[in-house]
Amino acid sequence: MCELLGMECNVPTDITFSFAGLSARGGRRGPHAHGWGLALYDGKVAHVFREPAPACVSPLACFVREHPIKTLLAIAHVRKKTRGKVSLANTHPFVRELWGKNFVFAHNGTIKNAADLPLGGFRPMGQTDSEHAFCALLSALEHDFPAAPRSRDDLAAAVALHAGRIGERGTFNMLLGDGDQLFARCSTKLHYLIRKAPFRRATLADEDLSVDFSELTTPRDRVAVVATAPLTRDETWTQGEPDTLWVFRRGKLATTLPS
């Protein structure tokens, strides 16, 4: 299956260290060689880099790793295809506009009979069950909130509800961002950590690369990192409970909801 990576912060931060770890799993340290993608938010708009090629050998992925772009929210993905051919249209993360902002989505797992999910006004461009599920999720949210939710808590509750319903059809580990908060649903396997003061050195689990975050941060910084499997070997990661949704805001775990 695919691997997910998300980051949500209280100050603009680059994701190059974690993305280097994920990229290694994109064909060299793991079998996820069928595409990679990275979305970096700038306010309500997401810059998206995607390529239907192994991240570990991609010149574009190398460029992204070597040219840090700071952001408050990022979502990345490396693909091991199960549904749909290797193509740009089938490469995560997927992006759609709703309520005047970009929603970004990435998925790990397989949704059975995803084509039966109602889509409303959203349509997939590729053939994956993942993109179909994303369109169905946005359609359900738009149905609940035609003019946008009144609060972030209302949106979080709706995401948990509808993601849980989709998850009943199979394995639905997913990341969803709207530029303001990061939703992370655990179906089978997902981990997170919060980097905050006192910052220490961290070493990637699959690469001989380490960073001393105390040299790059201030005592006020907080960074939430979510990954399918822990990306570092010397930090404490929290494993998710199946059928739960984490909500991250300003580098903190704001709440955990049943999903």
C-alpha atoms as a PDB file:
ATOM      1  CA  MET A   1       0.000   0.000   0.000  1.00  0.00           C
ATOM      2  CA  CYS A   2       0.945   3.671  -0.219  1.00  0.00           C
ATOM      3  CA  GLU A   3       2.567   5.841   2.448  1.00  0.00           C
ATOM      4  CA  LEU A   4       1.335   9.156   3.801  1.00  0.00           C
ATOM      5  CA  LEU A   5       3.083  12.189   5.264  1.00  0.00           C
ATOM      6  CA  GLY A   6       1.492  15.276   6.764  1.00  0.00           C
ATOM      7  CA  MET A   7       2.825  18.323   8.592  1.00  0.00           C
ATOM      8  CA  GLU A   8       0.928  21.069  10.426  1.00  0.00           C
ATOM      9  CA  CYS A   9       2.687  23.890  12.301  1.00  0.00           C
ATOM     10  CA  ASN A  10       2.193  27.076  14.303  1.00  0.00           C
ATOM     11  CA  VAL A  11       4.964  28.891  12.368  1.00  0.00           C
ATOM     12  CA  PRO A  12       6.033  28.474   8.725  1.00  0.00           C
ATOM     13  CA  THR A  13       8.290  25.412   8.509  1.00  0.00           C
ATOM     14  CA  ASP A  14       9.860  23.424   5.684  1.00  0.00           C
ATOM     15  CA  ILE A  15       9.169  19.712   5.298  1.00  0.00           C
ATOM     16  CA  THR A  16      12.432  18.777   3.575  1.00  0.00           C
ATOM     17  CA  PHE A  17      13.738  16.500   6.358  1.00  0.00           C
ATOM     18  CA  SER A  18      10.583  14.402   6.599  1.00  0.00           C
ATOM     19  CA  PHE A  19      10.089  14.460   2.833  1.00  0.00           C
ATOM     20  CA  ALA A  20      13.619  13.070   2.400  1.00  0.00           C
ATOM     21  CA  GLY A  21      12.607  10.122   4.566  1.00  0.00           C
ATOM     22  CA  LEU A  22       9.404   9.587   2.620  1.00  0.00           C
ATOM     23  CA  SER A  23      11.211   9.898  -0.727  1.00  0.00           C
ATOM     24  CA  ALA A  24      13.588   7.097   0.243  1.00  0.00           C
ATOM     25  CA  ARG A  25      10.567   4.848   0.653  1.00  0.00           C
ATOM     26  CA  GLY A  26       9.428   5.871  -2.814  1.00  0.00           C
ATOM     27  CA  GLY A  27      11.294   3.111  -4.631  1.00  0.00           C
ATOM     28  CA  ARG A  28      14.600   2.637  -2.782  1.00  0.00           C
ATOM     29  CA  ARG A  29      13.773   1.726   0.835  1.00  0.00           C
ATOM     30  CA  GLY A  30      10.226   0.680   0.004  1.00  0.00           C
ATOM     31  CA  PRO A  31       8.100  -0.537  -2.924  1.00  0.00           C
ATOM     32  CA  HIS A  32       6.187   2.721  -3.409  1.00  0.00           C
ATOM     33  CA  ALA A  33       7.610   3.489  -6.854  1.00  0.00           C
ATOM     34  CA  HIS A  34       4.462   4.371  -8.806  1.00  0.00           C
ATOM     35  CA  GLY A  35       4.329   8.087  -8.142  1.00  0.00           C
ATOM     36  CA  TRP A  36       4.834  10.787  -5.536  1.00  0.00           C
ATOM     37  CA  GLY A  37       3.279  14.103  -4.663  1.00  0.00           C
ATOM     38  CA  LEU A  38       3.642  17.006  -2.256  1.00  0.00           C
ATOM     39  CA  ALA A  39       1.206  19.832  -1.518  1.00  0.00           C
ATOM     40  CA  LEU A  40       2.366  22.950   0.342  1.00  0.00           C
ATOM     41  CA  TYR A  41      -0.194  25.485   1.498  1.00  0.00           C
ATOM     42  CA  ASP A  42       0.114  29.240   1.104  1.00  0.00           C
ATOM     43  CA  GLY A  43      -3.008  30.444   2.883  1.00  0.00           C
ATOM     44  CA  LYS A  44      -6.044  28.942   1.177  1.00  0.00           C
ATOM     45  CA  VAL A  45      -4.080  27.879  -1.908  1.00  0.00           C
ATOM     46  CA  ALA A  46      -1.930  24.762  -2.241  1.00  0.00           C
ATOM     47  CA  HIS A  47       1.217  24.505  -4.362  1.00  0.00           C
ATOM     48  CA  VAL A  48       1.227  20.948  -5.680  1.00  0.00           C
ATOM     49  CA  PHE A  49       4.147  18.917  -7.054  1.00  0.00           C
ATOM     50  CA  ARG A  50       3.233  15.506  -8.521  1.00  0.00           C
ATOM     51  CA  GLU A  51       4.937  12.977 -10.741  1.00  0.00           C
ATOM     52  CA  PRO A  52       4.085   9.384 -11.772  1.00  0.00           C
ATOM     53  CA  ALA A  53       7.644   8.219 -11.113  1.00  0.00           C
ATOM     54  CA  PRO A  54       9.718   6.958  -8.164  1.00  0.00           C
ATOM     55  CA  ALA A  55      10.447   9.774  -5.716  1.00  0.00           C
ATOM     56  CA  CYS A  56      13.871   8.356  -4.898  1.00  0.00           C
ATOM     57  CA  VAL A  57      15.210   9.072  -8.413  1.00  0.00           C
ATOM     58  CA  SER A  58      13.035  12.013  -9.413  1.00  0.00           C
ATOM     59  CA  PRO A  59      14.901  15.245 -10.297  1.00  0.00           C
ATOM     60  CA  LEU A  60      11.764  17.185  -9.340  1.00  0.00           C
ATOM     61  CA  ALA A  61      11.594  15.512  -5.916  1.00  0.00           C
ATOM     62  CA  CYS A  62      15.301  16.240  -5.483  1.00  0.00           C
ATOM     63  CA  PHE A  63      14.670  19.891  -6.330  1.00  0.00           C
ATOM     64  CA  VAL A  64      11.899  20.086  -3.739  1.00  0.00           C
ATOM     65  CA  ARG A  65      14.142  18.496  -1.100  1.00  0.00           C
ATOM     66  CA  GLU A  66      17.005  20.880  -1.845  1.00  0.00           C
ATOM     67  CA  HIS A  67      14.930  24.072  -2.091  1.00  0.00           C
ATOM     68  CA  PRO A  68      12.950  24.402   1.155  1.00  0.00           C
ATOM     69  CA  ILE A  69       9.560  26.077   0.945  1.00  0.00           C
ATOM     70  CA  LYS A  70       8.116  27.048   4.309  1.00  0.00           C
ATOM     71  CA  THR A  71       4.459  26.366   4.983  1.00  0.00           C
ATOM     72  CA  LEU A  72       1.975  25.901   7.799  1.00  0.00           C
ATOM     73  CA  LEU A  73       0.467  22.729   6.316  1.00  0.00           C
ATOM     74  CA  ALA A  74       1.791  20.089   3.941  1.00  0.00           C
ATOM     75  CA  ILE A  75       0.593  16.716   2.655  1.00  0.00           C
ATOM     76  CA  ALA A  76       2.770  14.207   0.785  1.00  0.00           C
ATOM     77  CA  HIS A  77       2.313  10.709  -0.614  1.00  0.00           C
ATOM     78  CA  VAL A  78       4.278   7.925  -2.296  1.00  0.00           C
ATOM     79  CA  ARG A  79       2.222   5.455  -4.290  1.00  0.00           C
ATOM     80  CA  LYS A  80       2.175   1.695  -4.671  1.00  0.00           C
ATOM     81  CA  LYS A  81      -0.647   1.232  -7.131  1.00  0.00           C
ATOM     82  CA  THR A  82      -3.586  -1.067  -6.457  1.00  0.00           C
ATOM     83  CA  ARG A  83      -6.335   0.624  -8.508  1.00  0.00           C
ATOM     84  CA  GLY A  84      -5.649   2.621 -11.654  1.00  0.00           C
ATOM     85  CA  LYS A  85      -2.621   2.737 -13.933  1.00  0.00           C
ATOM     86  CA  VAL A  86       0.578   4.677 -13.271  1.00  0.00           C
ATOM     87  CA  SER A  87      -0.283   8.183 -14.473  1.00  0.00           C
ATOM     88  CA  LEU A  88      -0.327  11.787 -13.333  1.00  0.00           C
ATOM     89  CA  ALA A  89      -4.115  11.689 -12.990  1.00  0.00           C
ATOM     90  CA  ASN A  90      -3.815   8.814 -10.508  1.00  0.00           C
ATOM     91  CA  THR A  91      -1.017  10.385  -8.458  1.00  0.00           C
ATOM     92  CA  HIS A  92      -1.767  11.697  -4.966  1.00  0.00           C
ATOM     93  CA  PRO A  93      -2.369  14.122  -3.385  1.00  0.00           C
ATOM     94  CA  PHE A  94      -5.568  15.245  -5.078  1.00  0.00           C
ATOM     95  CA  VAL A  95      -6.833  18.823  -4.914  1.00  0.00           C
ATOM     96  CA  ARG A  96     -10.283  20.352  -5.265  1.00  0.00           C
ATOM     97  CA  GLU A  97     -11.810  23.743  -4.460  1.00  0.00           C
ATOM     98  CA  LEU A  98     -14.616  24.019  -1.908  1.00  0.00           C
ATOM     99  CA  TRP A  99     -15.872  27.191  -0.165  1.00  0.00           C
ATOM    100  CA  GLY A 100     -13.166  29.241  -1.858  1.00  0.00           C
ATOM    101  CA  LYS A 101     -10.199  27.222  -0.626  1.00  0.00           C
ATOM    102  CA  ASN A 102      -8.160  24.235  -1.767  1.00  0.00           C
ATOM    103  CA  PHE A 103      -8.806  20.908  -0.086  1.00  0.00           C
ATOM    104  CA  VAL A 104      -5.909  18.437  -0.401  1.00  0.00           C
ATOM    105  CA  PHE A 105      -6.353  14.687   0.071  1.00  0.00           C
ATOM    106  CA  ALA A 106      -4.134  11.595   0.147  1.00  0.00           C
ATOM    107  CA  HIS A 107      -5.147   8.006   0.888  1.00  0.00           C
ATOM    108  CA  ASN A 108      -3.592   4.700   1.884  1.00  0.00           C
ATOM    109  CA  GLY A 109      -5.689   1.550   1.403  1.00  0.00           C
ATOM    110  CA  THR A 110      -8.435   0.205  -0.816  1.00  0.00           C
ATOM    111  CA  ILE A 111     -12.114   1.199  -0.847  1.00  0.00           C
ATOM    112  CA  LYS A 112     -14.411  -1.492  -2.209  1.00  0.00           C
ATOM    113  CA  ASN A 113     -17.095  -0.406  -4.664  1.00  0.00           C
ATOM    114  CA  ALA A 114     -15.924   3.200  -4.457  1.00  0.00           C
ATOM    115  CA  ALA A 115     -17.701   3.933  -7.735  1.00  0.00           C
ATOM    116  CA  ASP A 116     -21.021   3.496  -5.906  1.00  0.00           C
ATOM    117  CA  LEU A 117     -20.342   6.519  -3.676  1.00  0.00           C
ATOM    118  CA  PRO A 118     -22.387   9.603  -4.651  1.00  0.00           C
ATOM    119  CA  LEU A 119     -20.244  12.384  -6.102  1.00  0.00           C
ATOM    120  CA  GLY A 120     -22.473  15.460  -6.222  1.00  0.00           C
ATOM    121  CA  GLY A 121     -20.746  18.096  -8.329  1.00  0.00           C
ATOM    122  CA  PHE A 122     -17.240  16.643  -7.946  1.00  0.00           C
ATOM    123  CA  ARG A 123     -15.715  14.318 -10.521  1.00  0.00           C
ATOM    124  CA  PRO A 124     -12.512  12.243 -10.502  1.00  0.00           C
ATOM    125  CA  MET A 125      -9.949  12.787 -13.259  1.00  0.00           C
ATOM    126  CA  GLY A 126      -8.297   9.382 -12.827  1.00  0.00           C
ATOM    127  CA  GLN A 127      -9.334   5.811 -12.111  1.00  0.00           C
ATOM    128  CA  THR A 128      -8.397   5.370  -8.446  1.00  0.00           C
ATOM    129  CA  ASP A 129     -10.794   4.475  -5.661  1.00  0.00           C
ATOM    130  CA  SER A 130      -8.920   7.113  -3.636  1.00  0.00           C
ATOM    131  CA  GLU A 131      -9.887  10.050  -5.825  1.00  0.00           C
ATOM    132  CA  HIS A 132     -13.466   8.805  -6.061  1.00  0.00           C
ATOM    133  CA  ALA A 133     -13.640   8.626  -2.262  1.00  0.00           C
ATOM    134  CA  PHE A 134     -12.219  12.159  -2.016  1.00  0.00           C
ATOM    135  CA  CYS A 135     -14.872  13.513  -4.388  1.00  0.00           C
ATOM    136  CA  ALA A 136     -17.574  11.707  -2.412  1.00  0.00           C
ATOM    137  CA  LEU A 137     -16.254  13.122   0.863  1.00  0.00           C
ATOM    138  CA  LEU A 138     -16.286  16.688  -0.473  1.00  0.00           C
ATOM    139  CA  SER A 139     -19.760  16.155  -1.887  1.00  0.00           C
ATOM    140  CA  ALA A 140     -21.027  15.073   1.539  1.00  0.00           C
ATOM    141  CA  LEU A 141     -19.389  18.090   3.197  1.00  0.00           C
ATOM    142  CA  GLU A 142     -20.880  20.467   0.643  1.00  0.00           C
ATOM    143  CA  HIS A 143     -24.301  18.898   1.232  1.00  0.00           C
ATOM    144  CA  ASP A 144     -23.968  19.459   4.986  1.00  0.00           C
ATOM    145  CA  PHE A 145     -22.613  23.002   4.634  1.00  0.00           C
ATOM    146  CA  PRO A 146     -23.742  24.713   1.402  1.00  0.00           C
ATOM    147  CA  ALA A 147     -22.261  28.018   2.578  1.00  0.00           C
ATOM    148  CA  ALA A 148     -19.267  26.667   4.577  1.00  0.00           C
ATOM    149  CA  PRO A 149     -19.273  25.452   8.204  1.00  0.00           C
ATOM    150  CA  ARG A 150     -19.783  27.936  11.028  1.00  0.00           C
ATOM    151  CA  SER A 151     -16.780  26.619  12.943  1.00  0.00           C
ATOM    152  CA  ARG A 152     -13.719  24.412  12.573  1.00  0.00           C
ATOM    153  CA  ASP A 153     -15.244  22.009  15.104  1.00  0.00           C
ATOM    154  CA  ASP A 154     -18.354  21.601  12.936  1.00  0.00           C
ATOM    155  CA  LEU A 155     -16.183  20.748   9.948  1.00  0.00           C
ATOM    156  CA  ALA A 156     -14.073  18.303  11.960  1.00  0.00           C
ATOM    157  CA  ALA A 157     -17.153  16.463  13.197  1.00  0.00           C
ATOM    158  CA  ALA A 158     -18.508  16.184   9.655  1.00  0.00           C
ATOM    159  CA  VAL A 159     -15.190  14.921   8.271  1.00  0.00           C
ATOM    160  CA  ALA A 160     -15.052  12.274  10.999  1.00  0.00           C
ATOM    161  CA  LEU A 161     -18.616  11.166  10.270  1.00  0.00           C
ATOM    162  CA  HIS A 162     -18.359  10.914   6.494  1.00  0.00           C
ATOM    163  CA  ALA A 163     -14.819   9.496   6.474  1.00  0.00           C
ATOM    164  CA  GLY A 164     -16.050   6.810   8.845  1.00  0.00           C
ATOM    165  CA  ARG A 165     -18.876   5.906   6.483  1.00  0.00           C
ATOM    166  CA  ILE A 166     -16.480   5.647   3.559  1.00  0.00           C
ATOM    167  CA  GLY A 167     -14.103   3.650   5.735  1.00  0.00           C
ATOM    168  CA  GLU A 168     -16.754   0.988   6.243  1.00  0.00           C
ATOM    169  CA  ARG A 169     -16.068  -0.043   2.634  1.00  0.00           C
ATOM    170  CA  GLY A 170     -12.438  -0.972   3.185  1.00  0.00           C
ATOM    171  CA  THR A 171      -9.138   0.483   4.362  1.00  0.00           C
ATOM    172  CA  PHE A 172      -9.289   4.266   4.613  1.00  0.00           C
ATOM    173  CA  ASN A 173      -6.163   5.769   6.139  1.00  0.00           C
ATOM    174  CA  MET A 174      -6.266   9.327   4.856  1.00  0.00           C
ATOM    175  CA  LEU A 175      -4.984  12.886   5.216  1.00  0.00           C
ATOM    176  CA  LEU A 176      -7.147  15.903   4.422  1.00  0.00           C
ATOM    177  CA  GLY A 177      -6.142  19.548   4.664  1.00  0.00           C
ATOM    178  CA  ASP A 178      -7.894  22.845   4.024  1.00  0.00           C
ATOM    179  CA  GLY A 179      -5.049  25.252   4.786  1.00  0.00           C
ATOM    180  CA  ASP A 180      -6.346  25.819   8.307  1.00  0.00           C
ATOM    181  CA  GLN A 181      -6.271  22.355   9.866  1.00  0.00           C
ATOM    182  CA  LEU A 182      -5.048  18.851   9.108  1.00  0.00           C
ATOM    183  CA  PHE A 183      -7.311  15.821   9.452  1.00  0.00           C
ATOM    184  CA  ALA A 184      -5.687  12.396   9.751  1.00  0.00           C
ATOM    185  CA  ARG A 185      -7.850   9.276   9.850  1.00  0.00           C
ATOM    186  CA  CYS A 186      -6.416   5.979  11.040  1.00  0.00           C
ATOM    187  CA  SER A 187      -8.044   2.874   9.610  1.00  0.00           C
ATOM    188  CA  THR A 188      -5.214   0.402  10.158  1.00  0.00           C
ATOM    189  CA  LYS A 189      -1.869   2.177  10.506  1.00  0.00           C
ATOM    190  CA  LEU A 190      -0.914   5.794  11.191  1.00  0.00           C
ATOM    191  CA  HIS A 191       1.508   7.569  13.560  1.00  0.00           C
ATOM    192  CA  TYR A 192       2.161  11.111  14.705  1.00  0.00           C
ATOM    193  CA  LEU A 193       4.573  13.140  16.806  1.00  0.00           C
ATOM    194  CA  ILE A 194       4.700  16.740  18.033  1.00  0.00           C
ATOM    195  CA  ARG A 195       8.085  18.441  17.810  1.00  0.00           C
ATOM    196  CA  LYS A 196       8.346  21.183  20.415  1.00  0.00           C
ATOM    197  CA  ALA A 197      10.817  22.622  22.928  1.00  0.00           C
ATOM    198  CA  PRO A 198      13.180  21.321  24.086  1.00  0.00           C
ATOM    199  CA  PHE A 199      14.152  20.398  20.531  1.00  0.00           C
ATOM    200  CA  ARG A 200      16.689  17.662  19.911  1.00  0.00           C
ATOM    201  CA  ARG A 201      18.504  15.889  17.097  1.00  0.00           C
ATOM    202  CA  ALA A 202      16.433  13.518  14.975  1.00  0.00           C
ATOM    203  CA  THR A 203      17.679  10.816  12.607  1.00  0.00           C
ATOM    204  CA  LEU A 204      15.744   9.314   9.713  1.00  0.00           C
ATOM    205  CA  ALA A 205      14.815   5.665  10.112  1.00  0.00           C
ATOM    206  CA  ASP A 206      15.740   4.698   6.540  1.00  0.00           C
ATOM    207  CA  GLU A 207      18.548   7.132   5.695  1.00  0.00           C
ATOM    208  CA  ASP A 208      21.794   8.265   7.296  1.00  0.00           C
ATOM    209  CA  LEU A 209      20.512  11.805   7.727  1.00  0.00           C
ATOM    210  CA  SER A 210      19.988  13.714  10.949  1.00  0.00           C
ATOM    211  CA  VAL A 211      19.005  17.266  11.922  1.00  0.00           C
ATOM    212  CA  ASP A 212      19.477  19.125  15.183  1.00  0.00           C
ATOM    213  CA  PHE A 213      16.174  20.973  15.414  1.00  0.00           C
ATOM    214  CA  SER A 214      17.413  23.068  18.351  1.00  0.00           C
ATOM    215  CA  GLU A 215      19.565  24.956  15.824  1.00  0.00           C
ATOM    216  CA  LEU A 216      16.650  25.668  13.487  1.00  0.00           C
ATOM    217  CA  THR A 217      13.781  26.560  15.815  1.00  0.00           C
ATOM    218  CA  THR A 218      12.638  28.904  18.557  1.00  0.00           C
ATOM    219  CA  PRO A 219      11.181  27.770  21.903  1.00  0.00           C
ATOM    220  CA  ARG A 220       7.691  28.728  20.679  1.00  0.00           C
ATOM    221  CA  ASP A 221       7.710  26.507  17.592  1.00  0.00           C
ATOM    222  CA  ARG A 222       5.470  23.437  17.359  1.00  0.00           C
ATOM    223  CA  VAL A 223       5.316  21.012  14.464  1.00  0.00           C
ATOM    224  CA  ALA A 224       2.941  18.075  14.134  1.00  0.00           C
ATOM    225  CA  VAL A 225       4.136  15.315  11.796  1.00  0.00           C
ATOM    226  CA  VAL A 226       1.916  12.426  10.670  1.00  0.00           C
ATOM    227  CA  ALA A 227       3.237   9.386   8.800  1.00  0.00           C
ATOM    228  CA  THR A 228       2.112   5.896   7.914  1.00  0.00           C
ATOM    229  CA  ALA A 229       5.191   4.489   9.663  1.00  0.00           C
ATOM    230  CA  PRO A 230       7.605   6.424  11.920  1.00  0.00           C
ATOM    231  CA  LEU A 231      10.122   8.340   9.815  1.00  0.00           C
ATOM    232  CA  THR A 232      12.728   8.752  12.564  1.00  0.00           C
ATOM    233  CA  ARG A 233      14.436   6.239  14.829  1.00  0.00           C
ATOM    234  CA  ASP A 234      15.129   8.451  17.866  1.00  0.00           C
ATOM    235  CA  GLU A 235      11.799  10.196  18.445  1.00  0.00           C
ATOM    236  CA  THR A 236       8.660   8.957  20.187  1.00  0.00           C
ATOM    237  CA  TRP A 237       5.772   8.391  17.787  1.00  0.00           C
ATOM    238  CA  THR A 238       2.170   7.794  18.850  1.00  0.00           C
ATOM    239  CA  GLN A 239       0.323   5.035  17.014  1.00  0.00           C
ATOM    240  CA  GLY A 240      -3.268   5.683  15.985  1.00  0.00           C
ATOM    241  CA  GLU A 241      -6.277   3.693  17.081  1.00  0.00           C
ATOM    242  CA  PRO A 242      -8.314   2.236  14.213  1.00  0.00           C
ATOM    243  CA  ASP A 243     -11.403   4.234  13.231  1.00  0.00           C
ATOM    244  CA  THR A 244     -10.298   7.502  14.819  1.00  0.00           C
ATOM    245  CA  LEU A 245      -9.630  10.937  13.342  1.00  0.00           C
ATOM    246  CA  TRP A 246      -6.900  13.275  14.589  1.00  0.00           C
ATOM    247  CA  VAL A 247      -7.379  17.014  14.109  1.00  0.00           C
ATOM    248  CA  PHE A 248      -4.233  19.153  14.179  1.00  0.00           C
ATOM    249  CA  ARG A 249      -4.258  22.936  14.574  1.00  0.00           C
ATOM    250  CA  ARG A 250      -1.267  25.245  15.083  1.00  0.00           C
ATOM    251  CA  GLY A 251       1.083  22.346  15.666  1.00  0.00           C
ATOM    252  CA  LYS A 252      -1.078  20.694  18.332  1.00  0.00           C
ATOM    253  CA  LEU A 253      -3.394  17.718  18.440  1.00  0.00           C
ATOM    254  CA  ALA A 254      -6.630  19.639  18.911  1.00  0.00           C
ATOM    255  CA  THR A 255      -8.919  16.639  19.273  1.00  0.00           C
ATOM    256  CA  THR A 256      -9.383  12.943  18.489  1.00  0.00           C
ATOM    257  CA  LEU A 257     -12.784  11.926  17.155  1.00  0.00           C
ATOM    258  CA  PRO A 258     -14.387   8.542  16.506  1.00  0.00           C
ATOM    259  CA  SER A 259     -14.563   7.881  12.790  1.00  0.00           C
END
